[in-house]
Amino acid sequence: LHSYVTKLCKKQPNVKILEDIRTAVTASMRLMLQQLLGQLRAPVQLPQCLKVISFLRRMDVFGETELRLKFLQARESWLNSVVAGVPKDDPYLHLTRTMEVLRVHLFDIVTQYRSIFSDDGDHLIGVASVNNFDNRLLFTSWLSKKVQEFLKILASDLESGINSFESILGQAMYFGLSFSRVGFDFRPLLAPIFLKAIEKQFATKLDSQAALKNISESLASLDFSRLPSSPPPLPLSQESATPPLALLDYPPLAHVTNAILTSLNEIRLVCPLSLATLVTTTTQGLLLTLT
């Protein structure tokens, strides 16, 4: 109707009734456009997305690249509103819930985009047009931006005092792995963030100043005259998962052992191999400081 009225006005210019009709049709078309874009800012499924994009293409308001951009902007607006609705009182619950929301809904948006906007011919060298290549970059850049936003949330919540990394690490790795189905496995980007958080937690638990204070207080109240004779050394072939009970007779040594074991237990399920040198050096540094 809009195209017909536009052509008619070109053929019959300066006709008042035709101008009024064109104004009314243009206003209705703008309203329809806003309503269609509004549907994309709501929780819609793939069939409804296909309908909306079909109507937008028939309206011939946007070019192909602009249509893709409008789709991504509208879906991102809805996704951000869902993520913003996750309670932030508890960093652990906020992070786990955010990962679940993003994993489900972001993957749905990717599926919707790839179903609606096909780039099947882009892999043919010399056949894909410049516009298709730009469109492909548009989607990749958008998805990369959403992943970077998630990484910022992850780093922020880990900094807020999450102590249990095991379940968080497993869920985050599953989130990254799930996007390998669309060629966007971002698990390598998670490693530096968790590495930094685990390193910080270990350093916090093995605080040399706190250990020195505890040992000083223990030494101050220690009666050296009541100390038993030195126990015989353990055979080299004997291995034990627990410290020898003889340490109970030497409270300062027991405090040091508890501090080291507590810090190691905090990271034993999630400690990456790259932290082995740091853990060893920090532990040796504490022992050297105490001696």
C-alpha atoms as a PDB file:
ATOM      1  CA  LEU A   1       0.000   0.000   0.000  1.00  0.00           C
ATOM      2  CA  HIS A   2       2.809   2.414   0.891  1.00  0.00           C
ATOM      3  CA  SER A   3       4.621   1.713  -2.382  1.00  0.00           C
ATOM      4  CA  TYR A   4       1.427   2.138  -4.396  1.00  0.00           C
ATOM      5  CA  VAL A   5       0.555   5.440  -2.701  1.00  0.00           C
ATOM      6  CA  THR A   6       4.106   6.723  -3.210  1.00  0.00           C
ATOM      7  CA  LYS A   7       3.982   5.904  -6.936  1.00  0.00           C
ATOM      8  CA  LEU A   8       0.563   7.465  -7.228  1.00  0.00           C
ATOM      9  CA  CYS A   9       1.744  10.695  -5.617  1.00  0.00           C
ATOM     10  CA  LYS A  10       4.661  10.847  -8.036  1.00  0.00           C
ATOM     11  CA  LYS A  11       2.291  10.476 -10.995  1.00  0.00           C
ATOM     12  CA  GLN A  12      -0.239  12.932  -9.595  1.00  0.00           C
ATOM     13  CA  PRO A  13       1.685  15.572  -7.640  1.00  0.00           C
ATOM     14  CA  ASN A  14       0.053  18.464  -5.808  1.00  0.00           C
ATOM     15  CA  VAL A  15      -3.177  16.506  -5.207  1.00  0.00           C
ATOM     16  CA  LYS A  16      -4.250  17.265  -1.655  1.00  0.00           C
ATOM     17  CA  ILE A  17      -6.214  14.090  -0.976  1.00  0.00           C
ATOM     18  CA  LEU A  18      -3.351  11.923  -2.240  1.00  0.00           C
ATOM     19  CA  GLU A  19      -0.899  13.786   0.000  1.00  0.00           C
ATOM     20  CA  ASP A  20      -3.186  13.232   2.974  1.00  0.00           C
ATOM     21  CA  ILE A  21      -3.433   9.531   2.169  1.00  0.00           C
ATOM     22  CA  ARG A  22       0.355   9.243   1.861  1.00  0.00           C
ATOM     23  CA  THR A  23       0.816  10.997   5.221  1.00  0.00           C
ATOM     24  CA  ALA A  24      -1.661   8.647   6.910  1.00  0.00           C
ATOM     25  CA  VAL A  25      -0.093   5.556   5.313  1.00  0.00           C
ATOM     26  CA  THR A  26       3.427   6.683   6.314  1.00  0.00           C
ATOM     27  CA  ALA A  27       2.296   7.225   9.915  1.00  0.00           C
ATOM     28  CA  SER A  28       0.688   3.776   9.989  1.00  0.00           C
ATOM     29  CA  MET A  29       3.820   2.258   8.519  1.00  0.00           C
ATOM     30  CA  ARG A  30       6.008   3.877  11.199  1.00  0.00           C
ATOM     31  CA  LEU A  31       3.703   2.602  13.907  1.00  0.00           C
ATOM     32  CA  MET A  32       3.818  -0.878  12.406  1.00  0.00           C
ATOM     33  CA  LEU A  33       7.616  -0.684  12.242  1.00  0.00           C
ATOM     34  CA  GLN A  34       7.857   0.217  15.940  1.00  0.00           C
ATOM     35  CA  GLN A  35       5.483  -2.592  16.861  1.00  0.00           C
ATOM     36  CA  LEU A  36       7.487  -5.142  14.870  1.00  0.00           C
ATOM     37  CA  LEU A  37      10.767  -4.036  16.443  1.00  0.00           C
ATOM     38  CA  GLY A  38       9.043  -4.101  19.828  1.00  0.00           C
ATOM     39  CA  GLN A  39       8.200  -7.769  19.322  1.00  0.00           C
ATOM     40  CA  LEU A  40      11.907  -8.499  18.863  1.00  0.00           C
ATOM     41  CA  ARG A  41      12.551  -6.885  22.266  1.00  0.00           C
ATOM     42  CA  ALA A  42      10.315  -9.487  23.900  1.00  0.00           C
ATOM     43  CA  PRO A  43      10.832 -13.213  24.619  1.00  0.00           C
ATOM     44  CA  VAL A  44       9.925 -14.547  21.152  1.00  0.00           C
ATOM     45  CA  GLN A  45      10.668 -17.894  19.565  1.00  0.00           C
ATOM     46  CA  LEU A  46      12.162 -18.599  16.153  1.00  0.00           C
ATOM     47  CA  PRO A  47       8.839 -18.868  14.194  1.00  0.00           C
ATOM     48  CA  GLN A  48       7.734 -15.436  15.418  1.00  0.00           C
ATOM     49  CA  CYS A  49      11.185 -13.980  14.605  1.00  0.00           C
ATOM     50  CA  LEU A  50      10.896 -15.335  11.075  1.00  0.00           C
ATOM     51  CA  LYS A  51       7.489 -13.667  10.714  1.00  0.00           C
ATOM     52  CA  VAL A  52       8.707 -10.314  12.016  1.00  0.00           C
ATOM     53  CA  ILE A  53      11.791 -10.252   9.776  1.00  0.00           C
ATOM     54  CA  SER A  54       9.639 -11.267   6.803  1.00  0.00           C
ATOM     55  CA  PHE A  55       7.341  -8.297   7.423  1.00  0.00           C
ATOM     56  CA  LEU A  56      10.314  -5.936   7.846  1.00  0.00           C
ATOM     57  CA  ARG A  57      11.794  -7.122   4.555  1.00  0.00           C
ATOM     58  CA  ARG A  58       8.484  -6.580   2.777  1.00  0.00           C
ATOM     59  CA  MET A  59       8.310  -3.064   4.210  1.00  0.00           C
ATOM     60  CA  ASP A  60      11.675  -2.409   2.516  1.00  0.00           C
ATOM     61  CA  VAL A  61      12.706   0.101   5.178  1.00  0.00           C
ATOM     62  CA  PHE A  62      16.129  -1.325   6.032  1.00  0.00           C
ATOM     63  CA  GLY A  63      18.943  -2.669   3.922  1.00  0.00           C
ATOM     64  CA  GLU A  64      20.237  -6.170   4.645  1.00  0.00           C
ATOM     65  CA  THR A  65      23.069  -5.044   6.933  1.00  0.00           C
ATOM     66  CA  GLU A  66      20.868  -2.554   8.775  1.00  0.00           C
ATOM     67  CA  LEU A  67      18.159  -5.195   9.203  1.00  0.00           C
ATOM     68  CA  ARG A  68      20.655  -7.562  10.793  1.00  0.00           C
ATOM     69  CA  LEU A  69      21.887  -4.794  13.065  1.00  0.00           C
ATOM     70  CA  LYS A  70      18.336  -3.903  14.147  1.00  0.00           C
ATOM     71  CA  PHE A  71      17.638  -7.561  14.912  1.00  0.00           C
ATOM     72  CA  LEU A  72      20.768  -7.924  17.051  1.00  0.00           C
ATOM     73  CA  GLN A  73      20.122  -4.639  18.847  1.00  0.00           C
ATOM     74  CA  ALA A  74      16.537  -5.591  19.665  1.00  0.00           C
ATOM     75  CA  ARG A  75      17.417  -9.082  20.882  1.00  0.00           C
ATOM     76  CA  GLU A  76      20.335  -7.694  22.888  1.00  0.00           C
ATOM     77  CA  SER A  77      18.018  -5.187  24.553  1.00  0.00           C
ATOM     78  CA  TRP A  78      15.769  -8.011  25.741  1.00  0.00           C
ATOM     79  CA  LEU A  79      18.716 -10.176  26.845  1.00  0.00           C
ATOM     80  CA  ASN A  80      20.229  -7.318  28.853  1.00  0.00           C
ATOM     81  CA  SER A  81      16.917  -6.780  30.650  1.00  0.00           C
ATOM     82  CA  VAL A  82      16.831 -10.460  31.646  1.00  0.00           C
ATOM     83  CA  VAL A  83      20.443 -10.397  32.876  1.00  0.00           C
ATOM     84  CA  ALA A  84      19.824  -7.155  34.771  1.00  0.00           C
ATOM     85  CA  GLY A  85      16.922  -8.848  36.575  1.00  0.00           C
ATOM     86  CA  VAL A  86      19.194 -11.435  38.224  1.00  0.00           C
ATOM     87  CA  PRO A  87      19.533 -10.643  41.971  1.00  0.00           C
ATOM     88  CA  LYS A  88      22.983  -9.306  42.905  1.00  0.00           C
ATOM     89  CA  ASP A  89      22.854  -9.801  46.678  1.00  0.00           C
ATOM     90  CA  ASP A  90      24.945 -12.981  46.632  1.00  0.00           C
ATOM     91  CA  PRO A  91      27.885 -13.004  44.146  1.00  0.00           C
ATOM     92  CA  TYR A  92      27.829 -16.811  43.905  1.00  0.00           C
ATOM     93  CA  LEU A  93      24.107 -17.017  43.108  1.00  0.00           C
ATOM     94  CA  HIS A  94      24.340 -14.001  40.796  1.00  0.00           C
ATOM     95  CA  LEU A  95      27.155 -15.568  38.776  1.00  0.00           C
ATOM     96  CA  THR A  96      25.608 -19.036  38.510  1.00  0.00           C
ATOM     97  CA  ARG A  97      22.208 -17.619  37.532  1.00  0.00           C
ATOM     98  CA  THR A  98      23.767 -15.200  35.020  1.00  0.00           C
ATOM     99  CA  MET A  99      25.706 -18.018  33.369  1.00  0.00           C
ATOM    100  CA  GLU A 100      22.554 -20.113  33.089  1.00  0.00           C
ATOM    101  CA  VAL A 101      20.537 -17.218  31.621  1.00  0.00           C
ATOM    102  CA  LEU A 102      23.240 -16.291  29.102  1.00  0.00           C
ATOM    103  CA  ARG A 103      23.929 -19.878  28.098  1.00  0.00           C
ATOM    104  CA  VAL A 104      20.285 -20.555  27.250  1.00  0.00           C
ATOM    105  CA  HIS A 105      19.146 -17.233  25.809  1.00  0.00           C
ATOM    106  CA  LEU A 106      22.338 -16.197  24.030  1.00  0.00           C
ATOM    107  CA  PHE A 107      22.470 -19.547  22.280  1.00  0.00           C
ATOM    108  CA  ASP A 108      18.810 -19.096  21.262  1.00  0.00           C
ATOM    109  CA  ILE A 109      19.608 -15.684  19.753  1.00  0.00           C
ATOM    110  CA  VAL A 110      22.547 -17.154  17.825  1.00  0.00           C
ATOM    111  CA  THR A 111      20.300 -19.927  16.509  1.00  0.00           C
ATOM    112  CA  GLN A 112      17.606 -17.425  15.519  1.00  0.00           C
ATOM    113  CA  TYR A 113      20.106 -15.190  13.714  1.00  0.00           C
ATOM    114  CA  ARG A 114      21.678 -18.045  11.775  1.00  0.00           C
ATOM    115  CA  SER A 115      18.287 -19.439  10.817  1.00  0.00           C
ATOM    116  CA  ILE A 116      16.985 -16.081   9.579  1.00  0.00           C
ATOM    117  CA  PHE A 117      20.108 -14.646   7.967  1.00  0.00           C
ATOM    118  CA  SER A 118      21.846 -17.297   5.953  1.00  0.00           C
ATOM    119  CA  ASP A 119      25.513 -16.874   5.040  1.00  0.00           C
ATOM    120  CA  ASP A 120      25.906 -20.225   3.310  1.00  0.00           C
ATOM    121  CA  GLY A 121      27.846 -18.856   0.372  1.00  0.00           C
ATOM    122  CA  ASP A 122      30.331 -16.806   2.329  1.00  0.00           C
ATOM    123  CA  HIS A 123      32.859 -19.600   2.573  1.00  0.00           C
ATOM    124  CA  LEU A 124      33.380 -19.627  -1.204  1.00  0.00           C
ATOM    125  CA  ILE A 125      36.481 -17.587  -1.962  1.00  0.00           C
ATOM    126  CA  GLY A 126      35.830 -15.012  -4.656  1.00  0.00           C
ATOM    127  CA  VAL A 127      32.076 -15.598  -4.605  1.00  0.00           C
ATOM    128  CA  ALA A 128      31.004 -13.880  -1.393  1.00  0.00           C
ATOM    129  CA  SER A 129      30.322 -10.226  -1.818  1.00  0.00           C
ATOM    130  CA  VAL A 130      31.787  -7.464   0.290  1.00  0.00           C
ATOM    131  CA  ASN A 131      28.436  -6.892   1.997  1.00  0.00           C
ATOM    132  CA  ASN A 132      28.164 -10.532   3.003  1.00  0.00           C
ATOM    133  CA  PHE A 133      31.630 -10.392   4.495  1.00  0.00           C
ATOM    134  CA  ASP A 134      30.713  -7.269   6.462  1.00  0.00           C
ATOM    135  CA  ASN A 135      27.539  -8.951   7.666  1.00  0.00           C
ATOM    136  CA  ARG A 136      29.511 -11.901   8.875  1.00  0.00           C
ATOM    137  CA  LEU A 137      31.880  -9.609  10.743  1.00  0.00           C
ATOM    138  CA  LEU A 138      28.898  -7.794  12.237  1.00  0.00           C
ATOM    139  CA  PHE A 139      27.571 -10.949  13.865  1.00  0.00           C
ATOM    140  CA  THR A 140      31.006 -12.128  15.032  1.00  0.00           C
ATOM    141  CA  SER A 141      31.740  -8.736  16.583  1.00  0.00           C
ATOM    142  CA  TRP A 142      28.377  -8.710  18.355  1.00  0.00           C
ATOM    143  CA  LEU A 143      28.864 -12.195  19.782  1.00  0.00           C
ATOM    144  CA  SER A 144      32.413 -11.340  20.853  1.00  0.00           C
ATOM    145  CA  LYS A 145      31.075  -8.252  22.639  1.00  0.00           C
ATOM    146  CA  LYS A 146      28.533 -10.317  24.582  1.00  0.00           C
ATOM    147  CA  VAL A 147      31.224 -12.800  25.620  1.00  0.00           C
ATOM    148  CA  GLN A 148      33.460  -9.952  26.805  1.00  0.00           C
ATOM    149  CA  GLU A 149      30.570  -8.566  28.857  1.00  0.00           C
ATOM    150  CA  PHE A 150      30.143 -11.973  30.497  1.00  0.00           C
ATOM    151  CA  LEU A 151      33.873 -12.165  31.248  1.00  0.00           C
ATOM    152  CA  LYS A 152      33.650  -8.802  33.034  1.00  0.00           C
ATOM    153  CA  ILE A 153      30.741 -10.085  35.140  1.00  0.00           C
ATOM    154  CA  LEU A 154      32.720 -13.241  35.923  1.00  0.00           C
ATOM    155  CA  ALA A 155      35.817 -11.311  37.008  1.00  0.00           C
ATOM    156  CA  SER A 156      33.742  -8.880  39.078  1.00  0.00           C
ATOM    157  CA  ASP A 157      31.824 -11.589  40.951  1.00  0.00           C
ATOM    158  CA  LEU A 158      34.976 -13.619  41.602  1.00  0.00           C
ATOM    159  CA  GLU A 159      36.548 -10.480  43.068  1.00  0.00           C
ATOM    160  CA  SER A 160      33.504  -9.984  45.300  1.00  0.00           C
ATOM    161  CA  GLY A 161      34.423 -12.867  47.576  1.00  0.00           C
ATOM    162  CA  ILE A 162      33.440 -16.194  46.006  1.00  0.00           C
ATOM    163  CA  ASN A 163      35.393 -18.890  47.836  1.00  0.00           C
ATOM    164  CA  SER A 164      34.179 -22.083  46.186  1.00  0.00           C
ATOM    165  CA  PHE A 165      35.539 -22.200  42.640  1.00  0.00           C
ATOM    166  CA  GLU A 166      34.870 -25.842  41.779  1.00  0.00           C
ATOM    167  CA  SER A 167      31.230 -25.596  40.699  1.00  0.00           C
ATOM    168  CA  ILE A 168      31.718 -22.132  39.191  1.00  0.00           C
ATOM    169  CA  LEU A 169      34.653 -23.347  37.110  1.00  0.00           C
ATOM    170  CA  GLY A 170      32.742 -26.396  35.898  1.00  0.00           C
ATOM    171  CA  GLN A 171      29.673 -24.350  34.928  1.00  0.00           C
ATOM    172  CA  ALA A 172      31.754 -21.681  33.193  1.00  0.00           C
ATOM    173  CA  MET A 173      33.688 -24.275  31.177  1.00  0.00           C
ATOM    174  CA  TYR A 174      30.433 -25.947  30.168  1.00  0.00           C
ATOM    175  CA  PHE A 175      29.113 -22.544  29.080  1.00  0.00           C
ATOM    176  CA  GLY A 176      32.197 -21.960  26.930  1.00  0.00           C
ATOM    177  CA  LEU A 177      32.096 -25.485  25.507  1.00  0.00           C
ATOM    178  CA  SER A 178      28.418 -25.189  24.550  1.00  0.00           C
ATOM    179  CA  PHE A 179      29.292 -22.391  22.116  1.00  0.00           C
ATOM    180  CA  SER A 180      31.693 -24.650  20.236  1.00  0.00           C
ATOM    181  CA  ARG A 181      28.573 -25.818  18.380  1.00  0.00           C
ATOM    182  CA  VAL A 182      28.424 -22.400  16.765  1.00  0.00           C
ATOM    183  CA  GLY A 183      32.176 -22.061  16.354  1.00  0.00           C
ATOM    184  CA  PHE A 184      32.748 -19.767  19.350  1.00  0.00           C
ATOM    185  CA  ASP A 185      34.370 -21.846  22.085  1.00  0.00           C
ATOM    186  CA  PHE A 186      35.656 -19.222  24.534  1.00  0.00           C
ATOM    187  CA  ARG A 187      37.053 -21.506  27.255  1.00  0.00           C
ATOM    188  CA  PRO A 188      40.640 -20.246  26.731  1.00  0.00           C
ATOM    189  CA  LEU A 189      39.424 -16.760  27.731  1.00  0.00           C
ATOM    190  CA  LEU A 190      38.226 -18.113  31.092  1.00  0.00           C
ATOM    191  CA  ALA A 191      41.598 -19.497  32.183  1.00  0.00           C
ATOM    192  CA  PRO A 192      43.363 -16.168  33.003  1.00  0.00           C
ATOM    193  CA  ILE A 193      40.379 -14.952  35.045  1.00  0.00           C
ATOM    194  CA  PHE A 194      40.174 -18.090  37.184  1.00  0.00           C
ATOM    195  CA  LEU A 195      43.959 -18.219  37.445  1.00  0.00           C
ATOM    196  CA  LYS A 196      44.036 -14.730  38.938  1.00  0.00           C
ATOM    197  CA  ALA A 197      41.172 -15.485  41.357  1.00  0.00           C
ATOM    198  CA  ILE A 198      42.706 -18.774  42.551  1.00  0.00           C
ATOM    199  CA  GLU A 199      46.094 -17.125  42.999  1.00  0.00           C
ATOM    200  CA  LYS A 200      44.523 -14.348  45.067  1.00  0.00           C
ATOM    201  CA  GLN A 201      42.632 -16.819  47.247  1.00  0.00           C
ATOM    202  CA  PHE A 202      45.773 -18.841  47.933  1.00  0.00           C
ATOM    203  CA  ALA A 203      47.757 -15.724  48.820  1.00  0.00           C
ATOM    204  CA  THR A 204      44.959 -14.568  51.128  1.00  0.00           C
ATOM    205  CA  LYS A 205      44.762 -17.882  52.965  1.00  0.00           C
ATOM    206  CA  LEU A 206      48.551 -18.201  53.280  1.00  0.00           C
ATOM    207  CA  ASP A 207      49.076 -14.755  54.745  1.00  0.00           C
ATOM    208  CA  SER A 208      52.641 -14.624  56.071  1.00  0.00           C
ATOM    209  CA  GLN A 209      51.864 -11.712  58.417  1.00  0.00           C
ATOM    210  CA  ALA A 210      48.957 -13.554  60.040  1.00  0.00           C
ATOM    211  CA  ALA A 211      51.040 -16.729  60.304  1.00  0.00           C
ATOM    212  CA  LEU A 212      53.907 -14.838  61.932  1.00  0.00           C
ATOM    213  CA  LYS A 213      51.511 -13.264  64.433  1.00  0.00           C
ATOM    214  CA  ASN A 214      50.002 -16.639  65.422  1.00  0.00           C
ATOM    215  CA  ILE A 215      53.402 -18.241  65.772  1.00  0.00           C
ATOM    216  CA  SER A 216      54.746 -15.327  67.828  1.00  0.00           C
ATOM    217  CA  GLU A 217      51.798 -15.582  70.214  1.00  0.00           C
ATOM    218  CA  SER A 218      52.289 -19.341  70.430  1.00  0.00           C
ATOM    219  CA  LEU A 219      55.991 -18.971  71.150  1.00  0.00           C
ATOM    220  CA  ALA A 220      55.312 -16.337  73.802  1.00  0.00           C
ATOM    221  CA  SER A 221      53.102 -18.734  75.755  1.00  0.00           C
ATOM    222  CA  LEU A 222      55.259 -21.801  75.140  1.00  0.00           C
ATOM    223  CA  ASP A 223      57.031 -23.423  78.082  1.00  0.00           C
ATOM    224  CA  PHE A 224      60.249 -24.778  76.592  1.00  0.00           C
ATOM    225  CA  SER A 225      61.005 -26.799  79.697  1.00  0.00           C
ATOM    226  CA  ARG A 226      57.967 -28.988  79.074  1.00  0.00           C
ATOM    227  CA  LEU A 227      58.776 -29.759  75.463  1.00  0.00           C
ATOM    228  CA  PRO A 228      59.370 -33.454  74.835  1.00  0.00           C
ATOM    229  CA  SER A 229      62.491 -34.718  73.211  1.00  0.00           C
ATOM    230  CA  SER A 230      62.609 -34.515  69.433  1.00  0.00           C
ATOM    231  CA  PRO A 231      60.652 -37.346  67.809  1.00  0.00           C
ATOM    232  CA  PRO A 232      62.490 -39.692  65.455  1.00  0.00           C
ATOM    233  CA  PRO A 233      62.287 -38.672  61.775  1.00  0.00           C
ATOM    234  CA  LEU A 234      59.801 -40.494  59.583  1.00  0.00           C
ATOM    235  CA  PRO A 235      61.281 -43.065  57.182  1.00  0.00           C
ATOM    236  CA  LEU A 236      61.580 -41.768  53.626  1.00  0.00           C
ATOM    237  CA  SER A 237      59.533 -44.706  52.354  1.00  0.00           C
ATOM    238  CA  GLN A 238      56.622 -43.906  54.647  1.00  0.00           C
ATOM    239  CA  GLU A 239      53.949 -41.693  53.137  1.00  0.00           C
ATOM    240  CA  SER A 240      51.019 -40.214  55.018  1.00  0.00           C
ATOM    241  CA  ALA A 241      48.134 -37.975  53.989  1.00  0.00           C
ATOM    242  CA  THR A 242      47.944 -36.453  57.468  1.00  0.00           C
ATOM    243  CA  PRO A 243      50.594 -34.637  59.529  1.00  0.00           C
ATOM    244  CA  PRO A 244      52.239 -36.682  62.325  1.00  0.00           C
ATOM    245  CA  LEU A 245      50.512 -36.435  65.713  1.00  0.00           C
ATOM    246  CA  ALA A 246      53.849 -35.491  67.265  1.00  0.00           C
ATOM    247  CA  LEU A 247      53.272 -31.938  65.955  1.00  0.00           C
ATOM    248  CA  LEU A 248      50.696 -31.443  68.719  1.00  0.00           C
ATOM    249  CA  ASP A 249      53.564 -31.284  71.185  1.00  0.00           C
ATOM    250  CA  TYR A 250      55.010 -28.309  69.273  1.00  0.00           C
ATOM    251  CA  PRO A 251      52.218 -25.706  68.926  1.00  0.00           C
ATOM    252  CA  PRO A 252      54.187 -23.252  66.715  1.00  0.00           C
ATOM    253  CA  LEU A 253      54.892 -25.994  64.171  1.00  0.00           C
ATOM    254  CA  ALA A 254      51.249 -27.091  64.355  1.00  0.00           C
ATOM    255  CA  HIS A 255      50.119 -23.507  63.555  1.00  0.00           C
ATOM    256  CA  VAL A 256      52.439 -23.365  60.533  1.00  0.00           C
ATOM    257  CA  THR A 257      51.247 -26.755  59.308  1.00  0.00           C
ATOM    258  CA  ASN A 258      47.590 -25.770  59.686  1.00  0.00           C
ATOM    259  CA  ALA A 259      48.135 -22.505  57.781  1.00  0.00           C
ATOM    260  CA  ILE A 260      49.831 -24.271  54.876  1.00  0.00           C
ATOM    261  CA  LEU A 261      47.342 -27.156  54.703  1.00  0.00           C
ATOM    262  CA  THR A 262      44.350 -24.792  54.915  1.00  0.00           C
ATOM    263  CA  SER A 263      45.598 -22.716  51.984  1.00  0.00           C
ATOM    264  CA  LEU A 264      46.358 -25.826  49.924  1.00  0.00           C
ATOM    265  CA  ASN A 265      42.953 -27.354  50.664  1.00  0.00           C
ATOM    266  CA  GLU A 266      41.263 -24.194  49.432  1.00  0.00           C
ATOM    267  CA  ILE A 267      42.660 -24.651  45.914  1.00  0.00           C
ATOM    268  CA  ARG A 268      43.338 -28.379  45.658  1.00  0.00           C
ATOM    269  CA  LEU A 269      40.323 -29.114  43.430  1.00  0.00           C
ATOM    270  CA  VAL A 270      40.843 -26.235  41.002  1.00  0.00           C
ATOM    271  CA  CYS A 271      44.545 -25.379  41.090  1.00  0.00           C
ATOM    272  CA  PRO A 272      45.977 -25.271  37.536  1.00  0.00           C
ATOM    273  CA  LEU A 273      49.422 -26.641  36.801  1.00  0.00           C
ATOM    274  CA  SER A 274      50.705 -23.151  35.959  1.00  0.00           C
ATOM    275  CA  LEU A 275      50.324 -22.152  39.636  1.00  0.00           C
ATOM    276  CA  ALA A 276      52.601 -24.932  40.897  1.00  0.00           C
ATOM    277  CA  THR A 277      55.672 -22.685  40.877  1.00  0.00           C
ATOM    278  CA  LEU A 278      53.873 -19.853  42.687  1.00  0.00           C
ATOM    279  CA  VAL A 279      52.438 -22.184  45.351  1.00  0.00           C
ATOM    280  CA  THR A 280      55.827 -23.775  45.957  1.00  0.00           C
ATOM    281  CA  THR A 281      57.672 -20.448  46.071  1.00  0.00           C
ATOM    282  CA  THR A 282      55.115 -18.855  48.423  1.00  0.00           C
ATOM    283  CA  THR A 283      55.194 -21.825  50.799  1.00  0.00           C
ATOM    284  CA  GLN A 284      59.001 -21.902  50.819  1.00  0.00           C
ATOM    285  CA  GLY A 285      59.082 -18.136  51.389  1.00  0.00           C
ATOM    286  CA  LEU A 286      56.829 -18.500  54.441  1.00  0.00           C
ATOM    287  CA  LEU A 287      59.015 -21.250  55.880  1.00  0.00           C
ATOM    288  CA  LEU A 288      62.171 -19.208  55.275  1.00  0.00           C
ATOM    289  CA  THR A 289      60.587 -16.199  56.967  1.00  0.00           C
ATOM    290  CA  LEU A 290      59.722 -18.282  60.025  1.00  0.00           C
ATOM    291  CA  THR A 291      63.211 -19.702  60.317  1.00  0.00           C
END
